[in-house]
Amino acid sequence: IFGVPLQDSIRYANVAISLINDEGHSYIYGYVPIVVAKCGVFLKEKATETEGIFRLAGSEKRIKELKVAFDSPDRFGKGLDWTGYTVHDAANILRRYFNQLPEPIIPLDFYNRFRDPLRNHQAQAVGAIEAQSPSVGEFNPDAAIHAYQQLITELPPLNRQLLLYILDLLAVFASKADQNKMTTANLAAIFQPGILSHPQHDMAPSEYRLSQDVLIFLIENQDSFL
């Protein structure tokens, strides 16, 4: 499950995501890896007000145990009992899963297309942050949201479902930033490598600043993308 393409991990270890339609009926929207769903539910229940969640380290011994559990057939962690594990263990194993994906959640083919709507408009879109490129011209946030709505529909289905799941999860934690100190900027800095990155830009601060700003914008507007 760890370090293998998303399509492969979903084949062996998936959980259905259910949404509620306008009539109040539940329907299956898609599928995410078990490790993402199990960690997401646990963290939403136990950690939304935990200061430094996703930033503080867990126990390396317990994280290795969790990795073995989520990597082992044929349950792949589906029946995992969180007793004895902390929220920081869960947060770290979730980060590790994303960071070990062979390709980010937003595929490399989409990398620049996802960055273009905010290019030259970063400060206007998410506020001034060090290392941003200068703003040029007017910025229309509604047009940017529309552009991302279109881009998200074009993503491969499994990537789209996982992106929307993690954006929703991060928005939940950002909404409690007064308690957990994890603002959208902090969350974007942590999760950007596994969501929107390119190997050619690993050592270019202005490039990953743009990618982080895109992720901030996506988190802050995630309600517009479901």
Foldseek 3Di string as FASTA:
>chain_A
DALEAQVVQCVQAWDWDWDADPVRDIDTPGIGGLLQVVLLVVCLVPPLLAACALNDAFDPVVLVVLCCCLPDPRHNCVPPDCVPGDNRSSSVNNLSRLLSHPAALQGPVCQVVLLVLCQLPLCVQQHDDPLEDHHDDDHDLVVNLVSVLVVLVPGDSRSSVVVLVVLQSVLSSCVNCVRHVCHLLNVLVSRLNSHHDDPVCPPPVNVVVSSSSSSSNCSVPSVSRD
